[in-house]
C-alpha atoms as a PDB file:
ATOM      1  CA  MET A   1     -18.382  89.444  23.569  1.00  0.00           C
ATOM      2  CA  PRO A   2     -18.251  91.568  20.535  1.00  0.00           C
ATOM      3  CA  ALA A   3     -14.449  91.965  21.244  1.00  0.00           C
ATOM      4  CA  VAL A   4     -13.932  88.082  21.112  1.00  0.00           C
ATOM      5  CA  LYS A   5     -16.019  87.867  17.867  1.00  0.00           C
ATOM      6  CA  ASP A   6     -13.924  90.564  16.076  1.00  0.00           C
ATOM      7  CA  MET A   7     -10.693  88.861  17.098  1.00  0.00           C
ATOM      8  CA  SER A   8     -11.905  85.382  15.739  1.00  0.00           C
ATOM      9  CA  ILE A   9     -12.599  86.880  12.162  1.00  0.00           C
ATOM     10  CA  PRO A  10      -8.941  87.249  11.038  1.00  0.00           C
ATOM     11  CA  ARG A  11      -7.739  83.849  12.439  1.00  0.00           C
ATOM     12  CA  ALA A  12     -10.532  82.119  10.497  1.00  0.00           C
ATOM     13  CA  ALA A  13     -10.556  84.076   7.230  1.00  0.00           C
ATOM     14  CA  PRO A  14      -7.260  82.722   5.907  1.00  0.00           C
ATOM     15  CA  ALA A  15      -8.535  79.042   6.453  1.00  0.00           C
ATOM     16  CA  VAL A  16     -11.592  79.884   4.673  1.00  0.00           C
ATOM     17  CA  ARG A  17     -10.018  81.372   1.598  1.00  0.00           C
ATOM     18  CA  GLU A  18      -7.515  78.450   1.443  1.00  0.00           C
ATOM     19  CA  ILE A  19      -9.962  75.697   1.788  1.00  0.00           C
ATOM     20  CA  TYR A  20     -12.297  77.317  -0.679  1.00  0.00           C
ATOM     21  CA  ALA A  21      -9.617  77.864  -3.285  1.00  0.00           C
ATOM     22  CA  GLY A  22      -8.220  74.310  -2.912  1.00  0.00           C
ATOM     23  CA  LEU A  23     -11.737  72.587  -3.037  1.00  0.00           C
ATOM     24  CA  ARG A  24     -12.960  74.600  -5.750  1.00  0.00           C
ATOM     25  CA  GLU A  25      -9.856  73.855  -7.800  1.00  0.00           C
ATOM     26  CA  ARG A  26     -10.324  70.057  -7.324  1.00  0.00           C
ATOM     27  CA  ILE A  27     -13.794  70.184  -8.452  1.00  0.00           C
ATOM     28  CA  LEU A  28     -13.050  72.477 -11.355  1.00  0.00           C
ATOM     29  CA  THR A  29     -10.291  70.346 -12.774  1.00  0.00           C
ATOM     30  CA  GLY A  30     -12.023  67.134 -12.173  1.00  0.00           C
ATOM     31  CA  GLY A  31     -10.057  65.988  -9.128  1.00  0.00           C
ATOM     32  CA  LEU A  32     -13.590  65.525  -7.508  1.00  0.00           C
ATOM     33  CA  MET A  33     -16.061  64.316 -10.046  1.00  0.00           C
ATOM     34  CA  PRO A  34     -19.751  65.003 -10.175  1.00  0.00           C
ATOM     35  CA  GLY A  35     -21.588  62.748  -7.672  1.00  0.00           C
ATOM     36  CA  MET A  36     -18.806  62.137  -5.393  1.00  0.00           C
ATOM     37  CA  SER A  37     -19.484  62.222  -1.626  1.00  0.00           C
ATOM     38  CA  ILE A  38     -17.599  64.569   0.442  1.00  0.00           C
ATOM     39  CA  SER A  39     -17.664  65.147   4.256  1.00  0.00           C
ATOM     40  CA  GLU A  40     -17.390  68.030   6.457  1.00  0.00           C
ATOM     41  CA  VAL A  41     -15.901  65.888   9.206  1.00  0.00           C
ATOM     42  CA  GLN A  42     -13.289  64.031   7.089  1.00  0.00           C
ATOM     43  CA  PHE A  43     -12.130  67.472   5.570  1.00  0.00           C
ATOM     44  CA  SER A  44     -11.954  69.103   8.997  1.00  0.00           C
ATOM     45  CA  GLU A  45      -9.821  66.193  10.121  1.00  0.00           C
ATOM     46  CA  GLN A  46      -7.494  66.164   7.076  1.00  0.00           C
ATOM     47  CA  LEU A  47      -6.788  69.990   7.359  1.00  0.00           C
ATOM     48  CA  GLY A  48      -6.639  70.117  10.912  1.00  0.00           C
ATOM     49  CA  VAL A  49      -9.270  72.771  11.298  1.00  0.00           C
ATOM     50  CA  SER A  50     -12.635  73.025  12.923  1.00  0.00           C
ATOM     51  CA  ARG A  51     -15.795  72.241  11.086  1.00  0.00           C
ATOM     52  CA  THR A  52     -16.914  75.915  11.082  1.00  0.00           C
ATOM     53  CA  PRO A  53     -14.721  77.083   8.204  1.00  0.00           C
ATOM     54  CA  VAL A  54     -15.154  73.854   6.254  1.00  0.00           C
ATOM     55  CA  ARG A  55     -19.065  74.450   6.550  1.00  0.00           C
ATOM     56  CA  GLU A  56     -18.843  77.977   5.383  1.00  0.00           C
ATOM     57  CA  VAL A  57     -16.777  76.815   2.192  1.00  0.00           C
ATOM     58  CA  PHE A  58     -19.346  74.110   1.613  1.00  0.00           C
ATOM     59  CA  ARG A  59     -22.211  76.451   1.687  1.00  0.00           C
ATOM     60  CA  ARG A  60     -20.355  78.936  -0.680  1.00  0.00           C
ATOM     61  CA  LEU A  61     -19.508  76.351  -3.132  1.00  0.00           C
ATOM     62  CA  ALA A  62     -23.153  75.043  -2.964  1.00  0.00           C
ATOM     63  CA  ASP A  63     -24.373  78.598  -3.711  1.00  0.00           C
ATOM     64  CA  GLU A  64     -21.990  78.560  -6.788  1.00  0.00           C
ATOM     65  CA  GLY A  65     -23.362  75.467  -8.006  1.00  0.00           C
ATOM     66  CA  PHE A  66     -20.243  73.244  -7.198  1.00  0.00           C
ATOM     67  CA  LEU A  67     -21.695  71.397  -4.343  1.00  0.00           C
ATOM     68  CA  LYS A  68     -25.204  69.783  -3.589  1.00  0.00           C
ATOM     69  CA  ILE A  69     -25.892  69.818   0.306  1.00  0.00           C
ATOM     70  CA  LEU A  70     -28.912  67.325   1.015  1.00  0.00           C
ATOM     71  CA  PRO A  71     -29.882  67.595   4.589  1.00  0.00           C
ATOM     72  CA  GLN A  72     -29.688  64.130   6.476  1.00  0.00           C
ATOM     73  CA  VAL A  73     -28.153  62.570   3.513  1.00  0.00           C
ATOM     74  CA  GLY A  74     -24.807  64.198   2.740  1.00  0.00           C
ATOM     75  CA  THR A  75     -22.841  66.633   0.463  1.00  0.00           C
ATOM     76  CA  PHE A  76     -21.893  65.735  -3.044  1.00  0.00           C
ATOM     77  CA  VAL A  77     -20.165  67.250  -5.902  1.00  0.00           C
ATOM     78  CA  ALA A  78     -22.746  68.808  -7.980  1.00  0.00           C
ATOM     79  CA  PRO A  79     -23.093  67.826 -11.759  1.00  0.00           C
ATOM     80  CA  ILE A  80     -22.159  70.353 -14.516  1.00  0.00           C
ATOM     81  CA  GLN A  81     -25.052  72.753 -15.129  1.00  0.00           C
ATOM     82  CA  LEU A  82     -25.454  72.690 -18.872  1.00  0.00           C
ATOM     83  CA  ARG A  83     -27.520  76.032 -18.789  1.00  0.00           C
ATOM     84  CA  ALA A  84     -24.576  77.831 -17.094  1.00  0.00           C
ATOM     85  CA  VAL A  85     -22.266  76.261 -19.750  1.00  0.00           C
ATOM     86  CA  TYR A  86     -24.399  77.566 -22.713  1.00  0.00           C
ATOM     87  CA  ASP A  87     -24.914  81.062 -20.948  1.00  0.00           C
ATOM     88  CA  SER A  88     -21.011  81.279 -20.322  1.00  0.00           C
ATOM     89  CA  GLN A  89     -20.121  80.226 -23.828  1.00  0.00           C
ATOM     90  CA  PHE A  90     -22.313  82.775 -25.319  1.00  0.00           C
ATOM     91  CA  VAL A  91     -20.750  85.476 -23.364  1.00  0.00           C
ATOM     92  CA  ARG A  92     -17.380  84.227 -24.099  1.00  0.00           C
ATOM     93  CA  GLU A  93     -17.867  83.855 -27.758  1.00  0.00           C
ATOM     94  CA  THR A  94     -19.554  87.208 -28.226  1.00  0.00           C
ATOM     95  CA  LEU A  95     -16.737  89.064 -26.575  1.00  0.00           C
ATOM     96  CA  GLU A  96     -13.718  86.997 -27.628  1.00  0.00           C
ATOM     97  CA  CYS A  97     -14.813  87.129 -31.393  1.00  0.00           C
ATOM     98  CA  ARG A  98     -15.105  90.748 -31.271  1.00  0.00           C
ATOM     99  CA  THR A  99     -11.722  91.368 -29.381  1.00  0.00           C
ATOM    100  CA  VAL A 100      -9.786  89.058 -31.732  1.00  0.00           C
ATOM    101  CA  VAL A 101     -10.772  91.194 -34.519  1.00  0.00           C
ATOM    102  CA  LEU A 102      -9.419  94.410 -32.716  1.00  0.00           C
ATOM    103  CA  ALA A 103      -6.240  92.552 -31.754  1.00  0.00           C
ATOM    104  CA  CYS A 104      -5.303  92.055 -35.393  1.00  0.00           C
ATOM    105  CA  ARG A 105      -4.792  95.928 -35.460  1.00  0.00           C
ATOM    106  CA  HIS A 106      -1.921  95.928 -33.026  1.00  0.00           C
ATOM    107  CA  VAL A 107       0.452  93.192 -33.990  1.00  0.00           C
ATOM    108  CA  ASP A 108       4.085  93.961 -34.511  1.00  0.00           C
ATOM    109  CA  THR A 109       7.272  91.780 -34.227  1.00  0.00           C
ATOM    110  CA  ARG A 110       7.210  91.720 -30.512  1.00  0.00           C
ATOM    111  CA  VAL A 111       3.534  90.802 -30.342  1.00  0.00           C
ATOM    112  CA  ALA A 112       4.130  88.035 -32.852  1.00  0.00           C
ATOM    113  CA  ASP A 113       6.899  86.575 -30.902  1.00  0.00           C
ATOM    114  CA  ASP A 114       4.769  86.658 -27.671  1.00  0.00           C
ATOM    115  CA  LEU A 115       2.000  84.843 -29.396  1.00  0.00           C
ATOM    116  CA  ASN A 116       4.309  82.144 -30.835  1.00  0.00           C
ATOM    117  CA  ASP A 117       5.801  81.693 -27.513  1.00  0.00           C
ATOM    118  CA  PHE A 118       2.258  80.657 -26.083  1.00  0.00           C
ATOM    119  CA  LEU A 119       2.115  78.055 -28.773  1.00  0.00           C
ATOM    120  CA  THR A 120       5.444  76.840 -27.841  1.00  0.00           C
ATOM    121  CA  LEU A 121       4.302  76.599 -24.252  1.00  0.00           C
ATOM    122  CA  GLN A 122       1.412  74.767 -25.167  1.00  0.00           C
ATOM    123  CA  LYS A 123       3.297  72.219 -27.487  1.00  0.00           C
ATOM    124  CA  ARG A 124       5.628  71.470 -24.517  1.00  0.00           C
ATOM    125  CA  ALA A 125       2.748  70.787 -22.252  1.00  0.00           C
ATOM    126  CA  ILE A 126       1.357  68.508 -24.921  1.00  0.00           C
ATOM    127  CA  ARG A 127       4.744  66.553 -25.141  1.00  0.00           C
ATOM    128  CA  ASP A 128       4.812  66.357 -21.334  1.00  0.00           C
ATOM    129  CA  ASN A 129       1.232  65.293 -21.133  1.00  0.00           C
ATOM    130  CA  ASP A 130       0.703  68.119 -18.538  1.00  0.00           C
ATOM    131  CA  LEU A 131      -2.800  69.159 -18.641  1.00  0.00           C
ATOM    132  CA  GLY A 132      -2.483  71.898 -16.015  1.00  0.00           C
ATOM    133  CA  ARG A 133       0.351  73.653 -17.767  1.00  0.00           C
ATOM    134  CA  PHE A 134      -1.788  73.490 -21.258  1.00  0.00           C
ATOM    135  CA  PHE A 135      -4.734  74.845 -19.586  1.00  0.00           C
ATOM    136  CA  ASP A 136      -2.768  77.686 -18.008  1.00  0.00           C
ATOM    137  CA  ALA A 137      -1.006  78.454 -21.231  1.00  0.00           C
ATOM    138  CA  ASP A 138      -4.459  78.477 -23.066  1.00  0.00           C
ATOM    139  CA  ASP A 139      -6.021  81.008 -20.600  1.00  0.00           C
ATOM    140  CA  ARG A 140      -2.789  83.163 -20.802  1.00  0.00           C
ATOM    141  CA  MET A 141      -3.027  83.169 -24.698  1.00  0.00           C
ATOM    142  CA  HIS A 142      -6.713  84.403 -24.473  1.00  0.00           C
ATOM    143  CA  THR A 143      -5.926  86.837 -21.912  1.00  0.00           C
ATOM    144  CA  TYR A 144      -3.112  88.383 -23.952  1.00  0.00           C
ATOM    145  CA  LEU A 145      -5.240  88.576 -26.994  1.00  0.00           C
ATOM    146  CA  ILE A 146      -7.896  90.423 -25.201  1.00  0.00           C
ATOM    147  CA  GLY A 147      -5.465  92.869 -23.711  1.00  0.00           C
ATOM    148  CA  LEU A 148      -4.010  93.338 -27.067  1.00  0.00           C
ATOM    149  CA  ALA A 149      -7.554  94.620 -28.229  1.00  0.00           C
ATOM    150  CA  GLY A 150      -7.352  97.122 -25.577  1.00  0.00           C
ATOM    151  CA  TYR A 151      -9.860  95.732 -23.248  1.00  0.00           C
ATOM    152  CA  PRO A 152      -7.996  93.714 -20.584  1.00  0.00           C
ATOM    153  CA  ALA A 153     -10.937  94.021 -17.997  1.00  0.00           C
ATOM    154  CA  ILE A 154     -13.079  91.764 -20.367  1.00  0.00           C
ATOM    155  CA  TRP A 155     -11.186  88.687 -19.265  1.00  0.00           C
ATOM    156  CA  GLU A 156     -11.954  89.117 -15.635  1.00  0.00           C
ATOM    157  CA  LEU A 157     -15.768  89.399 -16.820  1.00  0.00           C
ATOM    158  CA  ILE A 158     -15.300  86.195 -18.797  1.00  0.00           C
ATOM    159  CA  GLN A 159     -13.561  84.366 -15.649  1.00  0.00           C
ATOM    160  CA  GLY A 160     -16.494  85.367 -13.511  1.00  0.00           C
ATOM    161  CA  VAL A 161     -19.034  83.384 -15.573  1.00  0.00           C
ATOM    162  CA  LYS A 162     -17.129  80.584 -17.090  1.00  0.00           C
ATOM    163  CA  ALA A 163     -16.526  78.142 -14.145  1.00  0.00           C
ATOM    164  CA  GLN A 164     -19.035  75.541 -15.264  1.00  0.00           C
ATOM    165  CA  LEU A 165     -17.602  75.895 -18.785  1.00  0.00           C
ATOM    166  CA  ASP A 166     -14.139  75.283 -17.395  1.00  0.00           C
ATOM    167  CA  ARG A 167     -15.242  72.027 -15.987  1.00  0.00           C
ATOM    168  CA  VAL A 168     -16.174  70.670 -19.463  1.00  0.00           C
ATOM    169  CA  ARG A 169     -12.858  72.228 -20.883  1.00  0.00           C
ATOM    170  CA  TYR A 170     -10.853  70.115 -18.226  1.00  0.00           C
ATOM    171  CA  LEU A 171     -12.714  66.946 -19.157  1.00  0.00           C
ATOM    172  CA  SER A 172     -12.221  67.395 -22.672  1.00  0.00           C
ATOM    173  CA  LEU A 173      -8.539  67.827 -22.240  1.00  0.00           C
ATOM    174  CA  GLU A 174      -8.251  64.243 -20.965  1.00  0.00           C
ATOM    175  CA  SER A 175      -8.393  63.035 -24.437  1.00  0.00           C
ATOM    176  CA  GLY A 176      -4.870  63.255 -26.209  1.00  0.00           C
ATOM    177  CA  ASP A 177      -6.558  63.635 -29.553  1.00  0.00           C
ATOM    178  CA  TRP A 178      -8.685  66.537 -28.434  1.00  0.00           C
ATOM    179  CA  LEU A 179      -5.786  68.256 -26.892  1.00  0.00           C
ATOM    180  CA  HIS A 180      -3.965  68.286 -30.435  1.00  0.00           C
ATOM    181  CA  ARG A 181      -7.204  69.432 -31.920  1.00  0.00           C
ATOM    182  CA  ILE A 182      -7.414  72.360 -29.761  1.00  0.00           C
ATOM    183  CA  PHE A 183      -3.821  73.125 -30.192  1.00  0.00           C
ATOM    184  CA  ASP A 184      -4.326  73.120 -34.007  1.00  0.00           C
ATOM    185  CA  GLN A 185      -7.243  75.645 -33.587  1.00  0.00           C
ATOM    186  CA  HIS A 186      -4.875  77.898 -31.589  1.00  0.00           C
ATOM    187  CA  GLU A 187      -2.260  77.821 -34.406  1.00  0.00           C
ATOM    188  CA  ARG A 188      -4.872  79.034 -36.853  1.00  0.00           C
ATOM    189  CA  ILE A 189      -6.143  81.797 -34.576  1.00  0.00           C
ATOM    190  CA  ILE A 190      -2.536  83.077 -33.915  1.00  0.00           C
ATOM    191  CA  ALA A 191      -1.490  82.668 -37.619  1.00  0.00           C
ATOM    192  CA  ARG A 192      -4.542  84.861 -38.650  1.00  0.00           C
ATOM    193  CA  VAL A 193      -3.933  87.540 -36.120  1.00  0.00           C
ATOM    194  CA  ILE A 194      -0.329  87.737 -36.943  1.00  0.00           C
ATOM    195  CA  GLU A 195      -1.216  88.076 -40.603  1.00  0.00           C
ATOM    196  CA  GLY A 196      -3.566  90.773 -39.749  1.00  0.00           C
ATOM    197  CA  LYS A 197      -6.668  89.072 -41.178  1.00  0.00           C
ATOM    198  CA  PRO A 198      -9.470  89.965 -38.795  1.00  0.00           C
ATOM    199  CA  ASP A 199     -12.456  88.157 -40.548  1.00  0.00           C
ATOM    200  CA  GLU A 200     -10.472  84.932 -40.698  1.00  0.00           C
ATOM    201  CA  ALA A 201      -9.249  85.431 -37.066  1.00  0.00           C
ATOM    202  CA  GLU A 202     -12.879  86.019 -35.965  1.00  0.00           C
ATOM    203  CA  SER A 203     -14.046  82.671 -37.740  1.00  0.00           C
ATOM    204  CA  ALA A 204     -11.062  80.757 -36.302  1.00  0.00           C
ATOM    205  CA  MET A 205     -11.994  81.955 -32.870  1.00  0.00           C
ATOM    206  CA  ARG A 206     -15.598  80.971 -33.247  1.00  0.00           C
ATOM    207  CA  GLU A 207     -14.908  77.597 -34.470  1.00  0.00           C
ATOM    208  CA  HIS A 208     -12.458  77.199 -31.536  1.00  0.00           C
ATOM    209  CA  LEU A 209     -14.826  78.360 -28.777  1.00  0.00           C
ATOM    210  CA  GLN A 210     -17.779  76.295 -30.281  1.00  0.00           C
ATOM    211  CA  ALA A 211     -15.668  73.214 -30.156  1.00  0.00           C
ATOM    212  CA  VAL A 212     -16.862  72.841 -26.480  1.00  0.00           C
ATOM    213  CA  PHE A 213     -20.365  71.672 -27.730  1.00  0.00           C
ATOM    214  CA  LEU A 214     -18.772  68.694 -29.413  1.00  0.00           C
ATOM    215  CA  THR A 215     -17.291  67.863 -26.168  1.00  0.00           C
ATOM    216  CA  ILE A 216     -20.575  68.144 -24.440  1.00  0.00           C
ATOM    217  CA  GLU A 217     -22.425  66.008 -26.826  1.00  0.00           C
ATOM    218  CA  ARG A 218     -19.620  63.337 -26.523  1.00  0.00           C
ATOM    219  CA  LEU A 219     -19.532  63.368 -22.824  1.00  0.00           C
ATOM    220  CA  ALA A 220     -23.388  63.479 -22.308  1.00  0.00           C
ATOM    221  CA  GLN A 221     -23.597  60.406 -24.504  1.00  0.00           C
ATOM    222  CA  ASN A 222     -21.070  58.536 -22.681  1.00  0.00           C
ATOM    223  CA  ARG A 223     -21.240  59.838 -19.021  1.00  0.00           C
ATOM    224  CA  PRO A 224     -24.632  61.383 -18.706  1.00  0.00           C
ATOM    225  CA  GLU A 225     -24.315  61.363 -14.886  1.00  0.00           C
ATOM    226  CA  LEU A 226     -21.842  64.279 -15.179  1.00  0.00           C
ATOM    227  CA  PHE A 227     -24.514  66.795 -16.405  1.00  0.00           C
ATOM    228  CA  GLU A 228     -27.643  68.198 -15.239  1.00  0.00           C
ATOM    229  CA  GLY A 229     -29.822  69.841 -17.990  1.00  0.00           C
ATOM    230  CA  THR A 230     -30.422  69.394 -21.503  1.00  0.00           C
ATOM    231  CA  VAL A 231     -27.886  69.329 -24.329  1.00  0.00           C
ATOM    232  CA  GLY A 232     -28.563  71.903 -26.842  1.00  0.00           C
ATOM    233  CA  ASN A 233     -29.141  75.743 -26.358  1.00  0.00           C
END
Protein backbone atom coordinates (compact mmCIF):
# COMPACT_ATOMS: atom_id res chain seq x y z
CA MET A 1 0.00 0.00 0.00
CA PRO A 2 2.74 2.62 0.77
CA ALA A 3 4.38 1.87 -2.59
CA VAL A 4 1.14 2.58 -4.46
CA LYS A 5 0.72 5.86 -2.62
CA ASP A 6 4.28 6.95 -3.43
CA MET A 7 3.80 6.16 -7.13
CA SER A 8 0.61 8.23 -7.34
CA ILE A 9 2.18 11.48 -6.11
CA PRO A 10 4.36 12.24 -9.17
CA ARG A 11 1.44 11.58 -11.54
CA ALA A 12 -0.96 13.85 -9.64
CA ALA A 13 1.45 16.68 -8.84
CA PRO A 14 1.74 18.18 -12.37
CA ALA A 15 -2.04 18.23 -12.71
CA VAL A 16 -2.39 20.03 -9.41
CA ARG A 17 0.25 22.61 -10.31
CA GLU A 18 -1.24 23.28 -13.74
CA ILE A 19 -4.83 23.48 -12.54
CA TYR A 20 -3.81 25.75 -9.66
CA ALA A 21 -1.82 28.12 -11.87
CA GLY A 22 -4.54 28.34 -14.50
CA LEU A 23 -7.43 28.89 -12.11
CA ARG A 24 -5.50 31.37 -9.98
CA GLU A 25 -4.60 33.36 -13.09
CA ARG A 26 -8.24 33.52 -14.22
CA ILE A 27 -9.33 34.85 -10.83
CA LEU A 28 -6.39 37.25 -10.59
CA THR A 29 -7.02 38.79 -14.01
CA GLY A 30 -10.79 39.02 -13.67
CA GLY A 31 -11.63 36.13 -15.98
CA LEU A 32 -13.59 34.75 -13.03
CA MET A 33 -15.23 37.56 -11.11
CA PRO A 34 -16.14 37.67 -7.39
CA GLY A 35 -19.36 35.84 -6.68
CA MET A 36 -19.18 33.51 -9.67
CA SER A 37 -20.00 29.88 -8.91
CA ILE A 38 -17.52 27.20 -9.96
CA SER A 39 -17.91 23.46 -9.78
CA GLU A 40 -15.47 20.68 -9.00
CA VAL A 41 -17.42 18.35 -11.27
CA GLN A 42 -17.43 20.73 -14.24
CA PHE A 43 -13.73 21.54 -13.89
CA SER A 44 -12.88 17.85 -13.61
CA GLU A 45 -14.87 17.05 -16.77
CA GLN A 46 -13.44 19.99 -18.73
CA LEU A 47 -9.86 19.08 -17.82
CA GLY A 48 -10.30 15.33 -18.13
CA VAL A 49 -8.96 14.64 -14.63
CA SER A 50 -10.40 13.15 -11.47
CA ARG A 51 -11.97 15.36 -8.84
CA THR A 52 -9.08 14.73 -6.42
CA PRO A 53 -6.57 17.26 -7.88
CA VAL A 54 -9.36 19.77 -8.52
CA ARG A 55 -10.52 19.47 -4.91
CA GLU A 56 -6.93 20.03 -3.71
CA VAL A 57 -6.62 23.15 -5.87
CA PHE A 58 -9.96 24.53 -4.64
CA ARG A 59 -8.87 24.09 -1.03
CA ARG A 60 -5.53 25.78 -1.65
CA LEU A 61 -7.16 28.75 -3.39
CA ALA A 62 -9.67 29.01 -0.56
CA ASP A 63 -6.82 29.15 1.95
CA GLU A 64 -5.28 31.98 -0.09
CA GLY A 65 -8.51 33.98 -0.14
CA PHE A 66 -9.41 33.42 -3.80
CA LEU A 67 -12.32 31.03 -3.30
CA LYS A 68 -15.11 30.55 -0.77
CA ILE A 69 -16.21 26.98 -0.18
CA LEU A 70 -19.62 26.75 1.45
CA PRO A 71 -20.50 23.17 2.46
CA GLN A 72 -23.78 21.94 0.99
CA VAL A 73 -24.03 25.18 -1.02
CA GLY A 74 -21.16 25.46 -3.47
CA THR A 75 -17.85 27.08 -4.29
CA PHE A 76 -17.65 30.73 -5.31
CA VAL A 77 -14.95 33.17 -6.35
CA ALA A 78 -14.18 35.19 -3.22
CA PRO A 79 -14.55 38.97 -3.16
CA ILE A 80 -11.40 41.08 -3.07
CA GLN A 81 -10.19 41.37 0.51
CA LEU A 82 -9.69 45.07 1.16
CA ARG A 83 -7.63 44.49 4.31
CA ALA A 84 -5.18 42.40 2.29
CA VAL A 85 -5.08 45.09 -0.42
CA TYR A 86 -4.21 47.83 2.07
CA ASP A 87 -1.61 45.67 3.80
CA SER A 88 0.13 44.74 0.55
CA GLN A 89 -0.03 48.32 -0.65
CA PHE A 90 1.75 49.44 2.53
CA VAL A 91 4.50 46.87 1.97
CA ARG A 92 4.89 47.78 -1.68
CA GLU A 93 4.94 51.53 -1.14
CA THR A 94 7.43 51.30 1.71
CA LEU A 95 9.85 49.13 -0.25
CA GLU A 96 9.54 50.61 -3.73
CA CYS A 97 9.75 54.23 -2.65
CA ARG A 98 13.04 53.38 -0.96
CA THR A 99 14.44 51.31 -3.82
CA VAL A 100 13.62 53.89 -6.50
CA VAL A 101 15.78 56.37 -4.57
CA LEU A 102 18.67 53.90 -4.62
CA ALA A 103 18.07 53.14 -8.30
CA CYS A 104 18.84 56.77 -9.18
CA ARG A 105 22.47 56.17 -8.19
CA HIS A 106 23.07 53.52 -10.84
CA VAL A 107 21.84 55.03 -14.09
CA ASP A 108 24.01 55.05 -17.19
CA THR A 109 23.22 55.12 -20.91
CA ARG A 110 22.44 51.41 -21.07
CA VAL A 111 20.11 51.62 -18.08
CA ALA A 112 18.35 54.66 -19.54
CA ASP A 113 17.80 52.75 -22.79
CA ASP A 114 16.41 49.76 -20.89
CA LEU A 115 14.00 51.95 -18.93
CA ASN A 116 12.77 53.70 -22.05
CA ASP A 117 12.29 50.30 -23.69
CA PHE A 118 9.81 49.39 -20.94
CA LEU A 119 7.84 52.53 -21.76
CA THR A 120 7.86 51.62 -25.45
CA LEU A 121 6.47 48.17 -24.64
CA GLN A 122 3.72 49.71 -22.54
CA LYS A 123 2.85 52.25 -25.22
CA ARG A 124 2.50 49.46 -27.80
CA ALA A 125 0.33 47.44 -25.44
CA ILE A 126 -1.98 50.45 -24.99
CA ARG A 127 -2.11 50.93 -28.76
CA ASP A 128 -3.09 47.28 -29.20
CA ASN A 129 -5.43 47.36 -26.19
CA ASP A 130 -3.55 44.37 -24.77
CA LEU A 131 -4.02 44.50 -21.00
CA GLY A 132 -1.95 41.38 -20.39
CA ARG A 133 1.08 42.79 -22.19
CA PHE A 134 0.73 46.12 -20.43
CA PHE A 135 0.51 44.43 -17.05
CA ASP A 136 3.56 42.28 -17.83
CA ALA A 137 5.61 45.30 -18.98
CA ASP A 138 4.49 47.18 -15.87
CA ASP A 139 5.74 44.43 -13.56
CA ARG A 140 8.99 44.06 -15.53
CA MET A 141 9.67 47.78 -15.16
CA HIS A 142 9.16 47.67 -11.39
CA THR A 143 11.28 44.52 -11.16
CA TYR A 144 14.09 46.21 -13.10
CA LEU A 145 14.06 49.30 -10.87
CA ILE A 146 14.27 47.18 -7.74
CA GLY A 147 17.12 45.17 -9.22
CA LEU A 148 18.86 48.40 -10.23
CA ALA A 149 18.73 49.46 -6.59
CA GLY A 150 20.69 46.32 -5.71
CA TYR A 151 17.92 44.37 -3.95
CA PRO A 152 16.39 42.03 -6.58
CA ALA A 153 14.96 39.65 -3.96
CA ILE A 154 12.63 42.40 -2.74
CA TRP A 155 10.43 41.88 -5.79
CA GLU A 156 9.88 38.26 -4.76
CA LEU A 157 8.78 39.51 -1.35
CA ILE A 158 6.36 41.95 -2.95
CA GLN A 159 5.03 39.25 -5.27
CA GLY A 160 4.26 37.10 -2.26
CA VAL A 161 1.88 39.63 -0.69
CA LYS A 162 0.22 41.48 -3.56
CA ALA A 163 -2.24 38.98 -5.05
CA GLN A 164 -5.39 40.77 -3.84
CA LEU A 165 -3.84 44.08 -4.89
CA ASP A 166 -3.25 42.71 -8.39
CA ARG A 167 -6.94 41.86 -8.69
CA VAL A 168 -7.71 45.55 -8.21
CA ARG A 169 -4.97 46.55 -10.64
CA TYR A 170 -6.37 44.33 -13.38
CA LEU A 171 -9.85 45.76 -12.87
CA SER A 172 -8.47 49.30 -13.06
CA LEU A 173 -6.80 48.54 -16.40
CA GLU A 174 -10.20 47.84 -17.98
CA SER A 175 -10.61 51.60 -18.24
CA GLY A 176 -8.76 53.06 -21.22
CA ASP A 177 -8.44 56.42 -19.49
CA TRP A 178 -6.94 54.77 -16.42
CA LEU A 179 -4.45 52.91 -18.58
CA HIS A 180 -3.16 56.16 -20.06
CA ARG A 181 -3.00 57.73 -16.61
CA ILE A 182 -0.87 54.88 -15.27
CA PHE A 183 1.42 55.17 -18.29
CA ASP A 184 1.86 58.91 -17.67
CA GLN A 185 2.89 58.11 -14.09
CA HIS A 186 5.41 55.58 -15.36
CA GLU A 187 6.89 58.20 -17.69
CA ARG A 188 7.38 60.60 -14.78
CA ILE A 189 9.04 57.93 -12.64
CA ILE A 190 11.43 56.89 -15.41
CA ALA A 191 12.26 60.49 -16.29
CA ARG A 192 13.17 61.34 -12.70
CA VAL A 193 15.28 58.20 -12.33
CA ILE A 194 17.18 58.86 -15.56
CA GLU A 195 17.73 62.48 -14.49
CA GLY A 196 19.14 61.23 -11.19
CA LYS A 197 16.61 63.09 -9.02
CA PRO A 198 15.90 60.71 -6.11
CA ASP A 199 13.48 62.93 -4.17
CA GLU A 200 11.34 63.55 -7.24
CA ALA A 201 11.54 59.89 -8.26
CA GLU A 202 10.32 58.85 -4.81
CA SER A 203 7.44 61.34 -4.97
CA ALA A 204 6.44 60.12 -8.44
CA MET A 205 6.57 56.49 -7.31
CA ARG A 206 4.44 57.21 -4.23
CA GLU A 207 1.83 58.99 -6.31
CA HIS A 208 1.79 56.09 -8.75
CA LEU A 209 1.40 53.37 -6.12
CA GLN A 210 -1.27 55.27 -4.21
CA ALA A 211 -3.40 55.56 -7.36
CA VAL A 212 -4.86 52.17 -6.46
CA PHE A 213 -6.87 53.84 -3.68
CA LEU A 214 -8.73 55.95 -6.24
CA THR A 215 -9.52 52.77 -8.13
CA ILE A 216 -10.86 51.10 -5.00
CA GLU A 217 -13.07 54.07 -4.18
CA ARG A 218 -14.48 54.16 -7.70
CA LEU A 219 -15.07 50.42 -7.93
CA ALA A 220 -16.46 50.14 -4.39
CA GLN A 221 -19.01 52.80 -5.21
CA ASN A 222 -20.06 51.32 -8.55
CA ARG A 223 -19.56 47.61 -7.85
CA PRO A 224 -19.53 47.00 -4.08
CA GLU A 225 -20.16 43.26 -4.59
CA LEU A 226 -16.55 42.89 -5.72
CA PHE A 227 -15.15 43.67 -2.27
CA GLU A 228 -15.17 42.47 1.30
CA GLY A 229 -14.20 44.88 4.03
CA THR A 230 -14.21 48.64 4.52
CA VAL A 231 -12.81 51.20 2.12
CA GLY A 232 -10.08 53.22 3.83
CA ASN A 233 -7.10 52.17 5.91
